[in-house]
Structure formats: structure tokens, C-alpha cells
Protein backbone atom coordinates (compact mmCIF):
# COMPACT_ATOMS: atom_id res chain seq x y z
CA UNK A 1 73.10 35.61 -16.24
CA UNK A 2 70.49 36.60 -18.47
CA UNK A 3 70.17 40.32 -19.31
CA UNK A 4 66.56 41.95 -18.75
CA UNK A 5 65.62 44.12 -21.62
CA UNK A 6 63.09 46.65 -20.51
CA UNK A 7 61.85 49.52 -23.13
CA UNK A 8 60.14 52.83 -22.08
CA UNK A 9 57.70 53.77 -24.87
CA UNK A 10 56.77 57.29 -24.51
CA UNK A 11 59.04 60.25 -22.64
CA UNK A 12 56.23 62.41 -21.64
CA UNK A 13 55.68 63.47 -18.01
CA UNK A 14 55.32 59.83 -16.87
CA UNK A 15 57.44 57.87 -19.02
CA UNK A 16 60.16 60.57 -18.53
CA UNK A 17 59.91 60.25 -14.68
CA UNK A 18 60.15 56.77 -14.39
CA UNK A 19 62.20 55.94 -17.39
CA UNK A 20 64.91 58.37 -15.95
CA UNK A 21 65.04 56.55 -12.59
CA UNK A 22 65.53 53.24 -14.43
CA UNK A 23 68.06 54.32 -16.88
CA UNK A 24 70.22 56.32 -14.25
CA UNK A 25 70.08 53.44 -11.65
CA UNK A 26 71.01 50.68 -14.09
CA UNK A 27 73.30 52.68 -16.30
CA UNK A 28 76.39 50.65 -14.74
CA UNK A 29 74.55 47.44 -14.48
CA UNK A 30 74.96 44.71 -17.37
CA UNK A 31 72.09 42.72 -15.89
CA UNK A 32 69.45 45.28 -17.21
CA UNK A 33 69.36 47.18 -20.45
CA UNK A 34 66.98 50.41 -20.65
CA UNK A 35 65.73 51.30 -23.99
CA UNK A 36 63.76 54.54 -24.60
CA UNK A 37 61.37 54.83 -27.61
CA UNK A 38 60.76 58.48 -28.31
CA UNK A 39 59.57 60.46 -31.41
CA UNK A 40 60.46 63.58 -33.37
CA UNK A 41 61.97 66.20 -31.37
CA UNK A 42 61.95 64.36 -28.08
CA UNK A 43 64.16 61.69 -29.88
CA UNK A 44 66.62 64.32 -31.28
CA UNK A 45 66.73 66.18 -27.92
CA UNK A 46 67.51 63.04 -25.87
CA UNK A 47 70.09 61.57 -28.55
CA UNK A 48 71.90 65.03 -28.28
CA UNK A 49 71.56 65.88 -24.55
CA UNK A 50 70.46 62.82 -22.61
CA UNK A 51 67.02 62.82 -20.74
CA UNK A 52 66.83 65.66 -18.00
CA UNK A 53 64.59 65.28 -15.05
CA UNK A 54 64.12 68.21 -12.81
CA UNK A 55 63.27 66.89 -9.64
CA UNK A 56 64.21 67.14 -5.94
CA UNK A 57 64.75 63.46 -5.93
CA UNK A 58 67.66 63.73 -8.42
CA UNK A 59 70.54 66.05 -8.18
CA UNK A 60 72.23 64.61 -11.00
CA UNK A 61 69.56 65.60 -13.51
CA UNK A 62 70.84 63.93 -16.92
CA UNK A 63 70.79 60.29 -17.90
CA UNK A 64 71.20 58.30 -21.02
CA UNK A 65 69.50 54.97 -21.82
CA UNK A 66 71.27 51.82 -22.97
CA UNK A 67 69.40 52.43 -26.50
CA UNK A 68 67.34 55.11 -27.82
CA UNK A 69 65.02 54.22 -30.77
CA UNK A 70 62.59 56.51 -32.76
CA UNK A 71 59.89 53.83 -33.23
CA UNK A 72 58.57 50.91 -31.52
CA UNK A 73 58.92 48.84 -34.97
CA UNK A 74 62.71 48.92 -34.12
CA UNK A 75 62.35 47.12 -30.55
CA UNK A 76 63.61 43.59 -30.56
CA UNK A 77 63.73 40.85 -27.66
CA UNK A 78 62.16 43.09 -25.18
CA UNK A 79 61.24 41.42 -21.98
CA UNK A 80 59.43 44.30 -20.43
CA UNK A 81 57.73 47.17 -22.20
CA UNK A 82 56.43 50.07 -20.12
CA UNK A 83 53.92 52.01 -22.21
CA UNK A 84 53.56 55.56 -21.34
CA UNK A 85 51.85 57.26 -24.56
CA UNK A 86 48.93 59.43 -24.70
CA UNK A 87 45.70 57.55 -24.59
CA UNK A 88 44.86 58.53 -28.35
CA UNK A 89 48.08 56.66 -29.67
CA UNK A 90 47.41 53.50 -27.63
CA UNK A 91 45.84 51.60 -30.55
CA UNK A 92 48.51 52.53 -32.95
CA UNK A 93 51.19 51.79 -30.66
CA UNK A 94 49.59 48.32 -29.90
CA UNK A 95 49.38 47.68 -33.85
CA UNK A 96 53.04 48.44 -34.23
CA UNK A 97 54.32 46.60 -31.09
CA UNK A 98 52.25 43.26 -31.85
CA UNK A 99 54.77 42.01 -34.47
CA UNK A 100 57.46 42.42 -32.28
CA UNK A 101 56.19 40.56 -29.02
CA UNK A 102 56.78 37.08 -27.84
CA UNK A 103 53.92 35.22 -25.83
CA UNK A 104 55.72 36.21 -22.36
CA UNK A 105 56.81 39.67 -22.97
CA UNK A 106 55.36 41.69 -20.12
CA UNK A 107 53.46 44.91 -21.11
CA UNK A 108 52.87 47.64 -18.30
CA UNK A 109 50.76 50.42 -19.04
CA UNK A 110 51.17 53.48 -16.88
CA UNK A 111 48.30 55.35 -18.17
CA UNK A 112 45.06 57.07 -16.89
CA UNK A 113 41.75 55.36 -17.52
CA UNK A 114 39.79 52.22 -16.57
CA UNK A 115 39.70 50.69 -20.11
CA UNK A 116 43.34 50.53 -20.76
CA UNK A 117 43.73 46.87 -19.86
CA UNK A 118 40.75 46.11 -22.21
CA UNK A 119 41.97 47.96 -25.05
CA UNK A 120 45.25 46.35 -25.11
CA UNK A 121 43.63 43.07 -24.42
CA UNK A 122 41.55 43.75 -27.90
CA UNK A 123 44.86 44.47 -29.94
CA UNK A 124 47.13 42.04 -28.27
CA UNK A 125 45.34 38.80 -27.24
CA UNK A 126 48.83 37.17 -26.34
CA UNK A 127 51.62 38.77 -23.94
CA UNK A 128 51.18 39.57 -20.38
CA UNK A 129 49.40 42.74 -19.63
CA UNK A 130 49.77 43.85 -16.07
CA UNK A 131 46.89 46.34 -14.84
CA UNK A 132 48.48 49.38 -13.02
CA UNK A 133 47.61 52.72 -11.56
CA UNK A 134 50.01 55.67 -11.51
CA UNK A 135 50.28 58.79 -9.50
CA UNK A 136 52.99 61.03 -10.48
CA UNK A 137 53.19 65.18 -10.71
CA UNK A 138 55.27 65.42 -13.53
CA UNK A 139 54.90 67.14 -17.06
CA UNK A 140 57.21 67.94 -20.07
CA UNK A 141 58.95 71.45 -19.58
CA UNK A 142 60.37 71.22 -22.94
CA UNK A 143 61.49 68.43 -25.33
CA UNK A 144 63.68 65.93 -23.40
CA UNK A 145 63.32 67.55 -20.08
CA UNK A 146 60.73 66.46 -17.58
CA UNK A 147 59.79 68.59 -14.54
CA UNK A 148 58.58 66.74 -11.19
CA UNK A 149 57.27 68.44 -8.12
CA UNK A 150 55.27 67.08 -5.00
CA UNK A 151 55.40 63.81 -3.79
CA UNK A 152 57.42 60.89 -5.43
CA UNK A 153 55.77 59.17 -8.05
CA UNK A 154 53.90 55.84 -7.22
CA UNK A 155 52.74 52.86 -9.10
CA UNK A 156 50.24 50.19 -7.93
CA UNK A 157 50.38 47.02 -10.18
CA UNK A 158 48.31 43.93 -10.27
CA UNK A 159 48.18 40.50 -11.79
CA UNK A 160 47.02 39.76 -15.29
CA UNK A 161 43.67 38.11 -14.86
CA UNK A 162 44.19 36.20 -18.26
CA UNK A 163 47.86 35.01 -17.30
CA UNK A 164 47.55 34.18 -13.53
CA UNK A 165 50.56 31.99 -13.68
CA UNK A 166 52.92 34.99 -14.00
CA UNK A 167 53.73 36.34 -10.85
CA UNK A 168 55.10 39.90 -11.12
CA UNK A 169 57.27 40.13 -8.01
CA UNK A 170 60.64 40.05 -10.01
CA UNK A 171 59.68 43.06 -11.88
CA UNK A 172 58.29 44.98 -8.86
CA UNK A 173 61.78 44.27 -7.16
CA UNK A 174 63.54 45.54 -10.25
CA UNK A 175 61.59 48.85 -10.36
CA UNK A 176 61.73 49.30 -6.55
CA UNK A 177 65.38 48.59 -6.67
CA UNK A 178 66.02 51.69 -9.03
CA UNK A 179 64.05 53.80 -6.24
CA UNK A 180 60.33 53.78 -7.65
CA UNK A 181 57.51 53.47 -4.94
CA UNK A 182 55.72 50.43 -6.38
CA UNK A 183 53.21 48.45 -4.61
CA UNK A 184 51.96 45.01 -5.95
CA UNK A 185 48.33 44.00 -5.29
CA UNK A 186 46.99 40.95 -6.76
CA UNK A 187 43.82 42.74 -8.16
CA UNK A 188 44.83 46.33 -9.06
CA UNK A 189 41.47 47.10 -10.71
CA UNK A 190 39.91 48.65 -7.34
CA UNK A 191 42.86 51.19 -7.37
CA UNK A 192 42.48 51.97 -10.90
CA UNK A 193 38.56 52.57 -10.72
CA UNK A 194 38.83 54.62 -7.42
CA UNK A 195 41.48 56.92 -9.06
CA UNK A 196 38.96 57.13 -12.08
CA UNK A 197 36.05 58.16 -9.78
CA UNK A 198 38.03 61.39 -9.09
CA UNK A 199 39.86 62.26 -12.34
CA UNK A 200 36.67 61.55 -14.51
CA UNK A 201 33.94 63.05 -12.67
CA UNK A 202 36.13 66.13 -11.39
CA UNK A 203 37.75 66.31 -14.83
CA UNK A 204 34.52 66.25 -16.96
CA UNK A 205 32.83 68.87 -14.54
CA UNK A 206 35.73 71.22 -14.24
CA UNK A 207 36.22 71.14 -18.10
CA UNK A 208 32.44 71.91 -18.82
CA UNK A 209 32.35 75.04 -16.51
CA UNK A 210 36.07 75.86 -16.40
CA UNK A 211 36.15 75.84 -12.68
CA UNK A 212 38.61 74.36 -10.21
CA UNK A 213 38.48 71.31 -7.85
CA UNK A 214 37.43 73.38 -5.13
CA UNK A 215 34.60 75.12 -7.03
CA UNK A 216 33.19 72.01 -8.17
CA UNK A 217 33.26 70.52 -4.71
CA UNK A 218 31.74 73.56 -3.29
CA UNK A 219 29.22 74.85 -5.70
CA UNK A 220 25.76 72.79 -5.19
CA UNK A 221 24.94 72.50 -8.98
CA UNK A 222 28.49 71.43 -9.83
CA UNK A 223 28.81 69.09 -6.91
CA UNK A 224 25.50 67.53 -8.03
CA UNK A 225 26.86 66.83 -11.51
CA UNK A 226 29.98 65.35 -10.19
CA UNK A 227 27.96 63.28 -7.83
CA UNK A 228 25.51 61.97 -10.73
CA UNK A 229 28.61 61.00 -12.82
CA UNK A 230 30.27 59.14 -9.93
CA UNK A 231 26.81 57.12 -9.29
CA UNK A 232 27.22 56.09 -13.00
CA UNK A 233 30.69 55.02 -12.73
CA UNK A 234 29.53 53.02 -9.65
CA UNK A 235 26.97 51.32 -11.56
CA UNK A 236 29.40 50.12 -14.08
CA UNK A 237 31.97 49.24 -11.60
CA UNK A 238 29.30 47.16 -9.85
CA UNK A 239 28.46 45.24 -12.99
CA UNK A 240 32.03 44.42 -13.81
CA UNK A 241 32.42 43.13 -10.27
CA UNK A 242 35.04 45.76 -9.25
CA UNK A 243 35.40 45.44 -5.49
CA UNK A 244 35.03 49.10 -4.16
CA UNK A 245 34.21 50.43 -0.64
CA UNK A 246 30.37 51.24 -0.44
CA UNK A 247 31.34 54.88 0.27
CA UNK A 248 33.65 55.49 -2.50
CA UNK A 249 31.68 58.51 -3.57
CA UNK A 250 32.11 60.23 -0.28
CA UNK A 251 35.69 59.18 -0.35
CA UNK A 252 36.17 60.98 -3.75
CA UNK A 253 34.71 64.26 -2.34
CA UNK A 254 36.94 64.02 0.60
CA UNK A 255 39.96 63.52 -1.57
CA UNK A 256 39.05 66.64 -3.66
CA UNK A 257 38.77 68.55 -0.36
CA UNK A 258 42.56 67.71 0.01
CA UNK A 259 43.58 69.60 -2.90
CA UNK A 260 44.25 73.37 -3.04
CA UNK A 261 41.11 75.15 -3.69
CA UNK A 262 41.88 76.72 -7.06
CA UNK A 263 43.59 73.48 -8.40
CA UNK A 264 42.45 73.10 -11.97
CA UNK A 265 42.26 69.52 -13.87
CA UNK A 266 44.23 68.57 -16.86
CA UNK A 267 40.94 68.06 -18.79
CA UNK A 268 39.55 71.44 -17.85
CA UNK A 269 43.19 73.06 -18.88
CA UNK A 270 43.27 71.24 -22.15
CA UNK A 271 39.53 71.89 -23.12
CA UNK A 272 39.53 75.58 -22.24
CA UNK A 273 42.82 76.10 -24.25
CA UNK A 274 41.10 74.48 -27.23
CA UNK A 275 43.80 71.62 -27.39
CA UNK A 276 43.17 69.12 -30.18
CA UNK A 277 43.67 65.98 -28.20
CA UNK A 278 42.11 65.87 -24.59
CA UNK A 279 41.21 63.20 -22.20
CA UNK A 280 37.54 63.60 -22.88
CA UNK A 281 37.20 60.11 -24.70
CA UNK A 282 39.39 58.63 -21.93
CA UNK A 283 36.82 59.58 -19.23
CA UNK A 284 33.46 60.00 -20.87
CA UNK A 285 34.17 57.82 -23.77
CA UNK A 286 35.01 54.64 -21.54
CA UNK A 287 31.88 55.58 -19.28
CA UNK A 288 29.66 55.50 -22.40
CA UNK A 289 31.14 52.48 -24.12
CA UNK A 290 30.91 50.44 -20.90
CA UNK A 291 27.40 51.81 -20.13
CA UNK A 292 26.25 50.51 -23.65
CA UNK A 293 27.97 47.25 -23.22
CA UNK A 294 26.61 46.64 -19.65
CA UNK A 295 23.29 48.08 -20.14
CA UNK A 296 23.90 50.66 -17.66
CA UNK A 297 22.17 54.12 -17.78
CA UNK A 298 24.82 56.92 -18.07
CA UNK A 299 22.58 60.04 -19.05
CA UNK A 300 24.58 62.48 -17.10
CA UNK A 301 27.85 61.62 -18.47
CA UNK A 302 26.52 61.50 -22.01
CA UNK A 303 25.17 65.06 -21.54
CA UNK A 304 27.94 66.63 -20.11
CA UNK A 305 30.16 64.73 -23.05
CA UNK A 306 27.90 66.44 -25.44
CA UNK A 307 28.04 69.72 -23.99
CA UNK A 308 31.88 69.64 -23.66
CA UNK A 309 32.04 68.64 -27.67
CA UNK A 310 29.58 71.47 -28.45
CA UNK A 311 31.89 73.91 -26.67
CA UNK A 312 34.70 72.63 -28.48
CA UNK A 313 33.10 73.01 -31.61
CA UNK A 314 32.06 76.52 -31.00
CA UNK A 315 35.39 77.62 -30.05
CA UNK A 316 36.63 76.32 -33.40
CA UNK A 317 34.03 78.06 -35.53
CA UNK A 318 34.59 81.22 -33.77
């Protein structure tokens, strides 16, 4: 029986959560080898202490992978590579991965954003790339330690539109057996775009005003800006042929109301703590790029993008 070689690239909140489940479940199973790729202090911490997941789902909170590597350049003969890096590292990781890949390797990116599939495809024209949408409330508590709260993490995965002959069911089963909540939808792009409606619009407006999800939903001027950004996303999705509900904007505001009023967004926290790397390009950058490529007007997104960039520059200079 052939051993499945599965690698997790990036042990942040997402990679650490799902990687932990896979490594712990398949540790005694010679049919599946789990490799972690982590850098610097995270690599050192996992090498010394293992990967820790603080989660009500796992009383036994420490696990060790079959192999631990410091760079993707060391990967060899992987069958499945789960990409869980920050979006600003994606192109670099793809460039490093490309020489290591055979045509039938499966890439599963568990990342936010609507342009992840396109960006991987630009860099890696071969291989199998599965569009996916991920929901998990987990974060790095310290290097090598991931904390998870709330609902179990969930993945929606679809078919590669360029490699329709590949059916992901065996991979879906492999992840599901490890206790991962995963759902296969032949077309995962509607799920990816539905999530983006929320994270991009509320992320941008909350970051611009340093206001919570509840405040953006409730305050008329902020609500109006979020609505305008959603209209631009909707126009792009329409041009791209994404099958979304006609009332997607109302559904998105309804989703916002399900959060505690004072919940911040990750972009809001990062922008207002002057982090160098944020999700601004992942959200606004994708809308602007698609808008230009598809000749869709995206004035509201451009305006709020420039306002956030200006406020970031002011913080740096003050």
C-alpha cells in the first residue's frame, strides 16, 4: 500500500489547527506521513517541544509530525501540500515550491481571499489546485502553540476547474477521518466569494474607522460604505460568473448581526496597531485588480483603500 505524503506549509492559526489534527491522528499510521514546514522560532519550538494545540477538542494537546522541515525547498515527493501561509508570502512560497512539484501533486490552500486560486495558478500552471474556503477561530498564542476557541474549524473544498478529472473524495475522506469538518462542493467558488463579501467589506470599513462589526452594521454612514463595497464585489462576481444568491448583500448584513456587537475584525486590529503586514491588499487589492481586469467600477473600494493607506503613512511619520 502506497504511503500518502502530506505536508502542511505554515503553522499559524490555520495550519497549526488542522496540522495538529492530522499529525495526531495519523501518528501511528504508516499509510499517511505528515510533514510540517515551519520557519525560524516556530521550527525550533516544534522541534524541541512538538506542536501544541490548546482546544477543547483535544485534551492531549501536544503532537509531533512524521517530519519537520524549515523550508519548502526541502520537500520531496509530496502527494498533498496544504498551504497555510500569510497572503503576502504566497508568491514566494509558490516560487520555492514549483521545482519540487510533479504534475499530479495536490495543492490545498487554506487561506482567506477570492484571488488565491488565480495567484497560485499564475505561478504554478501544472499541479492540481483545489479552491477552498476555511472557517476557524484559532491564533498563535506563542511560537509552536496555537489556541482555538469557538466552533470546530471547517473547510469547504471544490474541484480544480483546470483539472476536472481529479476527484478530491479520497483527500476529503483522509481529512475527515482525522476529525476535520470538511465538505466537498464541486464548485467551491460561491462559498469563497460569500465569505469574502463579509470579511472584505466589514474588514475595510472597520479598519478605516476603528469601529466594531456591530458599529459598522448599525451606524448609517459606515453601513452605507460597507454596502457600496459589497455592490462592487457583487459586480465583479457577476462578471466572473460566480453563482451567488441575489440577496447576498442582505445575507451578509444578517451574518454581521450574528456577531457580538463589539467584535473587531482582524484587519481593524492590524491596521490600528500599525502592523507592517495586513490583509489590506488581500481585500482591497483583489477588488481593485479584478475591477481593472473586468472593467468594473470600484470607486468606493479605491477610496477607502487610499484612506487606510494614508492613515498608515501618518502613523509611521508621527
